[in-house]
Amino acid sequence: HLFRWCLFSLKQRSILYRTLCLVLLSVITFSSFA
């Protein structure tokens, strides 16, 4: 769900905000599947 929300944000938000979303998504995804 977070991934889909971030994809939507990639289209709507600034480059900086999109970068932060990608970092957050990678951390959470790694923790979930560790």
PDB file of all heavy atoms in Angstrom:
ATOM      1  N   HIS A   1       0.840  -1.201   0.000  1.00  0.00           N
ATOM      2  CA  HIS A   1       0.000   0.000   0.000  1.00  0.00           C
ATOM      3  C   HIS A   1       0.868   1.241   0.000  1.00  0.00           C
ATOM      4  O   HIS A   1       0.587   2.232  -0.689  1.00  0.00           O
ATOM      5  CB  HIS A   1      -0.922  -0.003   1.217  1.00  0.00           C
ATOM      6  CG  HIS A   1      -1.980  -1.084   1.140  1.00  0.00           C
ATOM      7  ND1 HIS A   1      -2.730  -1.457   2.234  1.00  0.00           N
ATOM      8  CD2 HIS A   1      -2.381  -1.866   0.109  1.00  0.00           C
ATOM      9  CE1 HIS A   1      -3.569  -2.415   1.883  1.00  0.00           C
ATOM     10  NE2 HIS A   1      -3.365  -2.684   0.588  1.00  0.00           N
ATOM     11  N   LEU A   2       1.937   1.187   0.820  1.00  0.00           N
ATOM     12  CA  LEU A   2       2.861   2.319   0.848  1.00  0.00           C
ATOM     13  C   LEU A   2       3.524   2.494  -0.523  1.00  0.00           C
ATOM     14  O   LEU A   2       3.733   3.601  -0.996  1.00  0.00           O
ATOM     15  CB  LEU A   2       3.918   2.084   1.935  1.00  0.00           C
ATOM     16  CG  LEU A   2       5.000   3.157   2.057  1.00  0.00           C
ATOM     17  CD1 LEU A   2       4.375   4.502   2.445  1.00  0.00           C
ATOM     18  CD2 LEU A   2       6.031   2.743   3.106  1.00  0.00           C
ATOM     19  N   PHE A   3       3.847   1.358  -1.159  1.00  0.00           N
ATOM     20  CA  PHE A   3       4.493   1.417  -2.478  1.00  0.00           C
ATOM     21  C   PHE A   3       3.606   2.116  -3.500  1.00  0.00           C
ATOM     22  O   PHE A   3       4.035   2.988  -4.248  1.00  0.00           O
ATOM     23  CB  PHE A   3       4.839  -0.009  -2.926  1.00  0.00           C
ATOM     24  CG  PHE A   3       5.497  -0.077  -4.275  1.00  0.00           C
ATOM     25  CD1 PHE A   3       6.821   0.290  -4.439  1.00  0.00           C
ATOM     26  CD2 PHE A   3       4.765  -0.494  -5.390  1.00  0.00           C
ATOM     27  CE1 PHE A   3       7.419   0.235  -5.684  1.00  0.00           C
ATOM     28  CE2 PHE A   3       5.369  -0.550  -6.641  1.00  0.00           C
ATOM     29  CZ  PHE A   3       6.694  -0.187  -6.790  1.00  0.00           C
ATOM     30  N   ARG A   4       2.291   1.777  -3.486  1.00  0.00           N
ATOM     31  CA  ARG A   4       1.361   2.400  -4.436  1.00  0.00           C
ATOM     32  C   ARG A   4       1.174   3.888  -4.139  1.00  0.00           C
ATOM     33  O   ARG A   4       1.087   4.722  -5.026  1.00  0.00           O
ATOM     34  CB  ARG A   4       0.015   1.676  -4.377  1.00  0.00           C
ATOM     35  CG  ARG A   4       0.056   0.280  -5.033  1.00  0.00           C
ATOM     36  CD  ARG A   4      -1.315  -0.283  -5.228  1.00  0.00           C
ATOM     37  NE  ARG A   4      -1.955  -0.473  -3.928  1.00  0.00           N
ATOM     38  CZ  ARG A   4      -3.213  -0.903  -3.792  1.00  0.00           C
ATOM     39  NH1 ARG A   4      -3.948  -1.177  -4.864  1.00  0.00           N
ATOM     40  NH2 ARG A   4      -3.717  -1.059  -2.606  1.00  0.00           N
ATOM     41  N   TRP A   5       1.164   4.179  -2.809  1.00  0.00           N
ATOM     42  CA  TRP A   5       1.021   5.584  -2.432  1.00  0.00           C
ATOM     43  C   TRP A   5       2.236   6.392  -2.892  1.00  0.00           C
ATOM     44  O   TRP A   5       2.125   7.510  -3.375  1.00  0.00           O
ATOM     45  CB  TRP A   5       0.855   5.686  -0.914  1.00  0.00           C
ATOM     46  CG  TRP A   5       0.696   7.094  -0.422  1.00  0.00           C
ATOM     47  CD1 TRP A   5      -0.416   7.860  -0.414  1.00  0.00           C
ATOM     48  CD2 TRP A   5       1.744   7.898   0.140  1.00  0.00           C
ATOM     49  NE1 TRP A   5      -0.162   9.082   0.102  1.00  0.00           N
ATOM     50  CE2 TRP A   5       1.180   9.140   0.458  1.00  0.00           C
ATOM     51  CE3 TRP A   5       3.099   7.692   0.394  1.00  0.00           C
ATOM     52  CZ2 TRP A   5       1.902  10.170   1.026  1.00  0.00           C
ATOM     53  CZ3 TRP A   5       3.804   8.724   0.958  1.00  0.00           C
ATOM     54  CH2 TRP A   5       3.221   9.941   1.266  1.00  0.00           C
ATOM     55  N   CYS A   6       3.409   5.801  -2.759  1.00  0.00           N
ATOM     56  CA  CYS A   6       4.635   6.484  -3.172  1.00  0.00           C
ATOM     57  C   CYS A   6       4.685   6.655  -4.691  1.00  0.00           C
ATOM     58  O   CYS A   6       5.186   7.657  -5.202  1.00  0.00           O
ATOM     59  CB  CYS A   6       5.858   5.714  -2.692  1.00  0.00           C
ATOM     60  SG  CYS A   6       6.160   5.912  -0.923  1.00  0.00           S
ATOM     61  N   LEU A   7       4.173   5.666  -5.450  1.00  0.00           N
ATOM     62  CA  LEU A   7       4.131   5.807  -6.920  1.00  0.00           C
ATOM     63  C   LEU A   7       3.264   6.994  -7.324  1.00  0.00           C
ATOM     64  O   LEU A   7       3.597   7.763  -8.228  1.00  0.00           O
ATOM     65  CB  LEU A   7       3.589   4.525  -7.550  1.00  0.00           C
ATOM     66  CG  LEU A   7       4.547   3.327  -7.575  1.00  0.00           C
ATOM     67  CD1 LEU A   7       3.850   2.111  -8.171  1.00  0.00           C
ATOM     68  CD2 LEU A   7       5.807   3.662  -8.349  1.00  0.00           C
ATOM     69  N   PHE A   8       2.152   7.140  -6.604  1.00  0.00           N
ATOM     70  CA  PHE A   8       1.292   8.298  -6.872  1.00  0.00           C
ATOM     71  C   PHE A   8       2.029   9.590  -6.522  1.00  0.00           C
ATOM     72  O   PHE A   8       1.979  10.584  -7.243  1.00  0.00           O
ATOM     73  CB  PHE A   8       0.010   8.174  -6.048  1.00  0.00           C
ATOM     74  CG  PHE A   8      -0.872   9.396  -6.144  1.00  0.00           C
ATOM     75  CD1 PHE A   8      -1.657   9.636  -7.280  1.00  0.00           C
ATOM     76  CD2 PHE A   8      -0.896  10.318  -5.103  1.00  0.00           C
ATOM     77  CE1 PHE A   8      -2.449  10.765  -7.341  1.00  0.00           C
ATOM     78  CE2 PHE A   8      -1.686  11.440  -5.181  1.00  0.00           C
ATOM     79  CZ  PHE A   8      -2.473  11.665  -6.296  1.00  0.00           C
ATOM     80  N   SER A   9       2.802   9.523  -5.419  1.00  0.00           N
ATOM     81  CA  SER A   9       3.534  10.713  -4.990  1.00  0.00           C
ATOM     82  C   SER A   9       4.622  11.065  -5.975  1.00  0.00           C
ATOM     83  O   SER A   9       4.967  12.232  -6.153  1.00  0.00           O
ATOM     84  CB  SER A   9       4.152  10.486  -3.612  1.00  0.00           C
ATOM     85  OG  SER A   9       3.131  10.245  -2.668  1.00  0.00           O
ATOM     86  N   LEU A  10       5.184  10.052  -6.637  1.00  0.00           N
ATOM     87  CA  LEU A  10       6.238  10.321  -7.614  1.00  0.00           C
ATOM     88  C   LEU A  10       5.735  11.215  -8.741  1.00  0.00           C
ATOM     89  O   LEU A  10       6.483  11.989  -9.352  1.00  0.00           O
ATOM     90  CB  LEU A  10       6.755   8.997  -8.195  1.00  0.00           C
ATOM     91  CG  LEU A  10       7.614   8.140  -7.249  1.00  0.00           C
ATOM     92  CD1 LEU A  10       7.902   6.787  -7.893  1.00  0.00           C
ATOM     93  CD2 LEU A  10       8.896   8.856  -6.907  1.00  0.00           C
ATOM     94  N   LYS A  11       4.474  11.111  -9.048  1.00  0.00           N
ATOM     95  CA  LYS A  11       3.907  11.908 -10.136  1.00  0.00           C
ATOM     96  C   LYS A  11       3.501  13.311  -9.669  1.00  0.00           C
ATOM     97  O   LYS A  11       3.388  14.235 -10.463  1.00  0.00           O
ATOM     98  CB  LYS A  11       2.682  11.204 -10.712  1.00  0.00           C
ATOM     99  CG  LYS A  11       3.009   9.823 -11.283  1.00  0.00           C
ATOM    100  CD  LYS A  11       1.733   9.135 -11.734  1.00  0.00           C
ATOM    101  CE  LYS A  11       2.032   7.731 -12.268  1.00  0.00           C
ATOM    102  NZ  LYS A  11       0.793   7.040 -12.685  1.00  0.00           N
ATOM    103  N   GLN A  12       3.220  13.400  -8.386  1.00  0.00           N
ATOM    104  CA  GLN A  12       2.633  14.639  -7.903  1.00  0.00           C
ATOM    105  C   GLN A  12       3.601  15.512  -7.114  1.00  0.00           C
ATOM    106  O   GLN A  12       3.375  16.711  -6.979  1.00  0.00           O
ATOM    107  CB  GLN A  12       1.429  14.312  -6.992  1.00  0.00           C
ATOM    108  CG  GLN A  12       0.380  13.422  -7.665  1.00  0.00           C
ATOM    109  CD  GLN A  12      -0.324  14.146  -8.786  1.00  0.00           C
ATOM    110  OE1 GLN A  12      -0.469  15.372  -8.745  1.00  0.00           O
ATOM    111  NE2 GLN A  12      -0.722  13.418  -9.838  1.00  0.00           N
ATOM    112  N   ARG A  13       4.638  14.920  -6.563  1.00  0.00           N
ATOM    113  CA  ARG A  13       5.477  15.673  -5.619  1.00  0.00           C
ATOM    114  C   ARG A  13       6.780  16.116  -6.258  1.00  0.00           C
ATOM    115  O   ARG A  13       7.099  15.755  -7.385  1.00  0.00           O
ATOM    116  CB  ARG A  13       5.806  14.805  -4.385  1.00  0.00           C
ATOM    117  CG  ARG A  13       4.554  14.220  -3.732  1.00  0.00           C
ATOM    118  CD  ARG A  13       3.696  15.271  -3.085  1.00  0.00           C
ATOM    119  NE  ARG A  13       2.493  14.697  -2.478  1.00  0.00           N
ATOM    120  CZ  ARG A  13       1.597  15.403  -1.803  1.00  0.00           C
ATOM    121  NH1 ARG A  13       1.759  16.702  -1.650  1.00  0.00           N
ATOM    122  NH2 ARG A  13       0.529  14.816  -1.302  1.00  0.00           N
ATOM    123  N   SER A  14       7.543  16.827  -5.484  1.00  0.00           N
ATOM    124  CA  SER A  14       8.846  17.328  -5.929  1.00  0.00           C
ATOM    125  C   SER A  14       9.858  16.204  -5.954  1.00  0.00           C
ATOM    126  O   SER A  14       9.627  15.117  -5.422  1.00  0.00           O
ATOM    127  CB  SER A  14       9.323  18.428  -4.988  1.00  0.00           C
ATOM    128  OG  SER A  14       9.581  17.878  -3.710  1.00  0.00           O
ATOM    129  N   ILE A  15      10.992  16.473  -6.571  1.00  0.00           N
ATOM    130  CA  ILE A  15      12.056  15.452  -6.664  1.00  0.00           C
ATOM    131  C   ILE A  15      12.550  15.040  -5.282  1.00  0.00           C
ATOM    132  O   ILE A  15      12.745  13.855  -5.003  1.00  0.00           O
ATOM    133  CB  ILE A  15      13.221  16.001  -7.513  1.00  0.00           C
ATOM    134  CG1 ILE A  15      12.755  16.221  -8.960  1.00  0.00           C
ATOM    135  CG2 ILE A  15      14.402  15.042  -7.478  1.00  0.00           C
ATOM    136  CD1 ILE A  15      13.794  16.867  -9.842  1.00  0.00           C
ATOM    137  N   LEU A  16      12.717  16.020  -4.401  1.00  0.00           N
ATOM    138  CA  LEU A  16      13.209  15.723  -3.051  1.00  0.00           C
ATOM    139  C   LEU A  16      12.227  14.833  -2.305  1.00  0.00           C
ATOM    140  O   LEU A  16      12.600  13.856  -1.672  1.00  0.00           O
ATOM    141  CB  LEU A  16      13.440  17.029  -2.279  1.00  0.00           C
ATOM    142  CG  LEU A  16      13.872  16.881  -0.815  1.00  0.00           C
ATOM    143  CD1 LEU A  16      15.191  16.099  -0.719  1.00  0.00           C
ATOM    144  CD2 LEU A  16      14.010  18.241  -0.152  1.00  0.00           C
ATOM    145  N   TYR A  17      10.979  15.174  -2.386  1.00  0.00           N
ATOM    146  CA  TYR A  17       9.968  14.406  -1.673  1.00  0.00           C
ATOM    147  C   TYR A  17       9.886  12.988  -2.229  1.00  0.00           C
ATOM    148  O   TYR A  17       9.762  12.011  -1.474  1.00  0.00           O
ATOM    149  CB  TYR A  17       8.611  15.113  -1.805  1.00  0.00           C
ATOM    150  CG  TYR A  17       7.569  14.571  -0.847  1.00  0.00           C
ATOM    151  CD1 TYR A  17       7.540  15.006   0.474  1.00  0.00           C
ATOM    152  CD2 TYR A  17       6.648  13.616  -1.269  1.00  0.00           C
ATOM    153  CE1 TYR A  17       6.594  14.525   1.353  1.00  0.00           C
ATOM    154  CE2 TYR A  17       5.708  13.126  -0.400  1.00  0.00           C
ATOM    155  CZ  TYR A  17       5.673  13.577   0.931  1.00  0.00           C
ATOM    156  OH  TYR A  17       4.745  13.087   1.783  1.00  0.00           O
ATOM    157  N   ARG A  18      10.017  12.866  -3.568  1.00  0.00           N
ATOM    158  CA  ARG A  18       9.983  11.537  -4.167  1.00  0.00           C
ATOM    159  C   ARG A  18      11.190  10.700  -3.738  1.00  0.00           C
ATOM    160  O   ARG A  18      11.090   9.495  -3.504  1.00  0.00           O
ATOM    161  CB  ARG A  18       9.946  11.673  -5.693  1.00  0.00           C
ATOM    162  CG  ARG A  18       8.555  12.058  -6.218  1.00  0.00           C
ATOM    163  CD  ARG A  18       8.548  12.162  -7.717  1.00  0.00           C
ATOM    164  NE  ARG A  18       9.223  13.380  -8.149  1.00  0.00           N
ATOM    165  CZ  ARG A  18       9.406  13.707  -9.443  1.00  0.00           C
ATOM    166  NH1 ARG A  18       8.997  12.890 -10.390  1.00  0.00           N
ATOM    167  NH2 ARG A  18       9.999  14.819  -9.759  1.00  0.00           N
ATOM    168  N   THR A  19      12.328  11.346  -3.608  1.00  0.00           N
ATOM    169  CA  THR A  19      13.530  10.630  -3.153  1.00  0.00           C
ATOM    170  C   THR A  19      13.356  10.090  -1.742  1.00  0.00           C
ATOM    171  O   THR A  19      13.719   8.953  -1.428  1.00  0.00           O
ATOM    172  CB  THR A  19      14.753  11.564  -3.199  1.00  0.00           C
ATOM    173  OG1 THR A  19      14.911  12.051  -4.529  1.00  0.00           O
ATOM    174  CG2 THR A  19      16.009  10.821  -2.772  1.00  0.00           C
ATOM    175  N   LEU A  20      12.789  10.907  -0.854  1.00  0.00           N
ATOM    176  CA  LEU A  20      12.545  10.473   0.523  1.00  0.00           C
ATOM    177  C   LEU A  20      11.591   9.292   0.571  1.00  0.00           C
ATOM    178  O   LEU A  20      11.758   8.354   1.364  1.00  0.00           O
ATOM    179  CB  LEU A  20      11.987  11.636   1.353  1.00  0.00           C
ATOM    180  CG  LEU A  20      12.963  12.775   1.659  1.00  0.00           C
ATOM    181  CD1 LEU A  20      12.243  13.910   2.369  1.00  0.00           C
ATOM    182  CD2 LEU A  20      14.103  12.261   2.553  1.00  0.00           C
ATOM    183  N   CYS A  21      10.581   9.305  -0.277  1.00  0.00           N
ATOM    184  CA  CYS A  21       9.627   8.194  -0.324  1.00  0.00           C
ATOM    185  C   CYS A  21      10.309   6.904  -0.733  1.00  0.00           C
ATOM    186  O   CYS A  21      10.047   5.827  -0.184  1.00  0.00           O
ATOM    187  CB  CYS A  21       8.502   8.521  -1.308  1.00  0.00           C
ATOM    188  SG  CYS A  21       7.288   9.670  -0.635  1.00  0.00           S
ATOM    189  N   LEU A  22      11.191   6.990  -1.724  1.00  0.00           N
ATOM    190  CA  LEU A  22      11.897   5.794  -2.187  1.00  0.00           C
ATOM    191  C   LEU A  22      12.795   5.221  -1.106  1.00  0.00           C
ATOM    192  O   LEU A  22      12.892   4.002  -0.926  1.00  0.00           O
ATOM    193  CB  LEU A  22      12.708   6.133  -3.444  1.00  0.00           C
ATOM    194  CG  LEU A  22      11.896   6.367  -4.719  1.00  0.00           C
ATOM    195  CD1 LEU A  22      12.794   6.877  -5.834  1.00  0.00           C
ATOM    196  CD2 LEU A  22      11.205   5.071  -5.150  1.00  0.00           C
ATOM    197  N   VAL A  23      13.492   6.094  -0.369  1.00  0.00           N
ATOM    198  CA  VAL A  23      14.360   5.641   0.726  1.00  0.00           C
ATOM    199  C   VAL A  23      13.538   4.966   1.804  1.00  0.00           C
ATOM    200  O   VAL A  23      13.875   3.882   2.305  1.00  0.00           O
ATOM    201  CB  VAL A  23      15.162   6.818   1.305  1.00  0.00           C
ATOM    202  CG1 VAL A  23      15.897   6.372   2.577  1.00  0.00           C
ATOM    203  CG2 VAL A  23      16.148   7.341   0.271  1.00  0.00           C
ATOM    204  N   LEU A  24      12.417   5.604   2.186  1.00  0.00           N
ATOM    205  CA  LEU A  24      11.555   5.040   3.212  1.00  0.00           C
ATOM    206  C   LEU A  24      11.003   3.704   2.772  1.00  0.00           C
ATOM    207  O   LEU A  24      10.960   2.726   3.544  1.00  0.00           O
ATOM    208  CB  LEU A  24      10.411   6.024   3.514  1.00  0.00           C
ATOM    209  CG  LEU A  24       9.367   5.554   4.525  1.00  0.00           C
ATOM    210  CD1 LEU A  24      10.014   5.290   5.880  1.00  0.00           C
ATOM    211  CD2 LEU A  24       8.263   6.587   4.670  1.00  0.00           C
ATOM    212  N   LEU A  25      10.600   3.606   1.525  1.00  0.00           N
ATOM    213  CA  LEU A  25      10.041   2.369   0.998  1.00  0.00           C
ATOM    214  C   LEU A  25      11.075   1.243   1.020  1.00  0.00           C
ATOM    215  O   LEU A  25      10.783   0.117   1.394  1.00  0.00           O
ATOM    216  CB  LEU A  25       9.532   2.587  -0.428  1.00  0.00           C
ATOM    217  CG  LEU A  25       8.948   1.346  -1.129  1.00  0.00           C
ATOM    218  CD1 LEU A  25       7.738   0.841  -0.346  1.00  0.00           C
ATOM    219  CD2 LEU A  25       8.570   1.678  -2.548  1.00  0.00           C
ATOM    220  N   SER A  26      12.319   1.546   0.668  1.00  0.00           N
ATOM    221  CA  SER A  26      13.363   0.514   0.641  1.00  0.00           C
ATOM    222  C   SER A  26      13.680   0.005   2.032  1.00  0.00           C
ATOM    223  O   SER A  26      13.904  -1.180   2.238  1.00  0.00           O
ATOM    224  CB  SER A  26      14.627   1.063  -0.031  1.00  0.00           C
ATOM    225  OG  SER A  26      15.163   2.131   0.729  1.00  0.00           O
ATOM    226  N   VAL A  27      13.693   0.915   3.035  1.00  0.00           N
ATOM    227  CA  VAL A  27      13.980   0.518   4.414  1.00  0.00           C
ATOM    228  C   VAL A  27      12.895  -0.385   4.952  1.00  0.00           C
ATOM    229  O   VAL A  27      13.141  -1.449   5.543  1.00  0.00           O
ATOM    230  CB  VAL A  27      14.155   1.759   5.311  1.00  0.00           C
ATOM    231  CG1 VAL A  27      14.234   1.339   6.791  1.00  0.00           C
ATOM    232  CG2 VAL A  27      15.409   2.522   4.916  1.00  0.00           C
ATOM    233  N   ILE A  28      11.628   0.023   4.749  1.00  0.00           N
ATOM    234  CA  ILE A  28      10.514  -0.755   5.273  1.00  0.00           C
ATOM    235  C   ILE A  28      10.409  -2.097   4.581  1.00  0.00           C
ATOM    236  O   ILE A  28      10.158  -3.143   5.196  1.00  0.00           O
ATOM    237  CB  ILE A  28       9.198   0.038   5.145  1.00  0.00           C
ATOM    238  CG1 ILE A  28       9.264   1.271   6.045  1.00  0.00           C
ATOM    239  CG2 ILE A  28       7.999  -0.823   5.504  1.00  0.00           C
ATOM    240  CD1 ILE A  28       8.081   2.189   5.921  1.00  0.00           C
ATOM    241  N   THR A  29      10.631  -2.090   3.269  1.00  0.00           N
ATOM    242  CA  THR A  29      10.568  -3.337   2.519  1.00  0.00           C
ATOM    243  C   THR A  29      11.641  -4.314   2.969  1.00  0.00           C
ATOM    244  O   THR A  29      11.399  -5.505   3.167  1.00  0.00           O
ATOM    245  CB  THR A  29      10.712  -3.065   1.009  1.00  0.00           C
ATOM    246  OG1 THR A  29       9.696  -2.157   0.609  1.00  0.00           O
ATOM    247  CG2 THR A  29      10.583  -4.358   0.215  1.00  0.00           C
ATOM    248  N   PHE A  30      12.849  -3.813   3.211  1.00  0.00           N
ATOM    249  CA  PHE A  30      13.954  -4.667   3.678  1.00  0.00           C
ATOM    250  C   PHE A  30      13.641  -5.253   5.050  1.00  0.00           C
ATOM    251  O   PHE A  30      13.855  -6.432   5.317  1.00  0.00           O
ATOM    252  CB  PHE A  30      15.251  -3.857   3.727  1.00  0.00           C
ATOM    253  CG  PHE A  30      16.410  -4.644   4.266  1.00  0.00           C
ATOM    254  CD1 PHE A  30      17.083  -5.554   3.462  1.00  0.00           C
ATOM    255  CD2 PHE A  30      16.807  -4.493   5.586  1.00  0.00           C
ATOM    256  CE1 PHE A  30      18.147  -6.289   3.967  1.00  0.00           C
ATOM    257  CE2 PHE A  30      17.856  -5.226   6.081  1.00  0.00           C
ATOM    258  CZ  PHE A  30      18.534  -6.118   5.267  1.00  0.00           C
ATOM    259  N   SER A  31      13.090  -4.407   5.949  1.00  0.00           N
ATOM    260  CA  SER A  31      12.770  -4.869   7.295  1.00  0.00           C
ATOM    261  C   SER A  31      11.678  -5.916   7.264  1.00  0.00           C
ATOM    262  O   SER A  31      11.679  -6.875   8.039  1.00  0.00           O
ATOM    263  CB  SER A  31      12.331  -3.677   8.160  1.00  0.00           C
ATOM    264  OG  SER A  31      13.367  -2.734   8.248  1.00  0.00           O
ATOM    265  N   SER A  32      10.704  -5.731   6.331  1.00  0.00           N
ATOM    266  CA  SER A  32       9.569  -6.652   6.277  1.00  0.00           C
ATOM    267  C   SER A  32       9.988  -8.012   5.765  1.00  0.00           C
ATOM    268  O   SER A  32       9.446  -9.043   6.161  1.00  0.00           O
ATOM    269  CB  SER A  32       8.468  -6.083   5.384  1.00  0.00           C
ATOM    270  OG  SER A  32       8.028  -4.833   5.886  1.00  0.00           O
ATOM    271  N   PHE A  33      10.959  -8.041   4.873  1.00  0.00           N
ATOM    272  CA  PHE A  33      11.332  -9.303   4.241  1.00  0.00           C
ATOM    273  C   PHE A  33      12.675  -9.848   4.726  1.00  0.00           C
ATOM    274  O   PHE A  33      13.199 -10.793   4.150  1.00  0.00           O
ATOM    275  CB  PHE A  33      11.362  -9.137   2.719  1.00  0.00           C
ATOM    276  CG  PHE A  33       9.994  -8.854   2.145  1.00  0.00           C
ATOM    277  CD1 PHE A  33       9.641  -7.561   1.817  1.00  0.00           C
ATOM    278  CD2 PHE A  33       9.076  -9.877   1.974  1.00  0.00           C
ATOM    279  CE1 PHE A  33       8.391  -7.299   1.301  1.00  0.00           C
ATOM    280  CE2 PHE A  33       7.821  -9.613   1.442  1.00  0.00           C
ATOM    281  CZ  PHE A  33       7.465  -8.315   1.101  1.00  0.00           C
ATOM    282  N   ALA A  34      13.278  -9.206   5.759  1.00  0.00           N
ATOM    283  CA  ALA A  34      14.556  -9.686   6.279  1.00  0.00           C
ATOM    284  C   ALA A  34      14.394 -11.114   6.797  1.00  0.00           C
ATOM    285  O   ALA A  34      13.451 -11.415   7.532  1.00  0.00           O
ATOM    286  CB  ALA A  34      15.050  -8.773   7.398  1.00  0.00           C
TER     287      ALA A  34
END
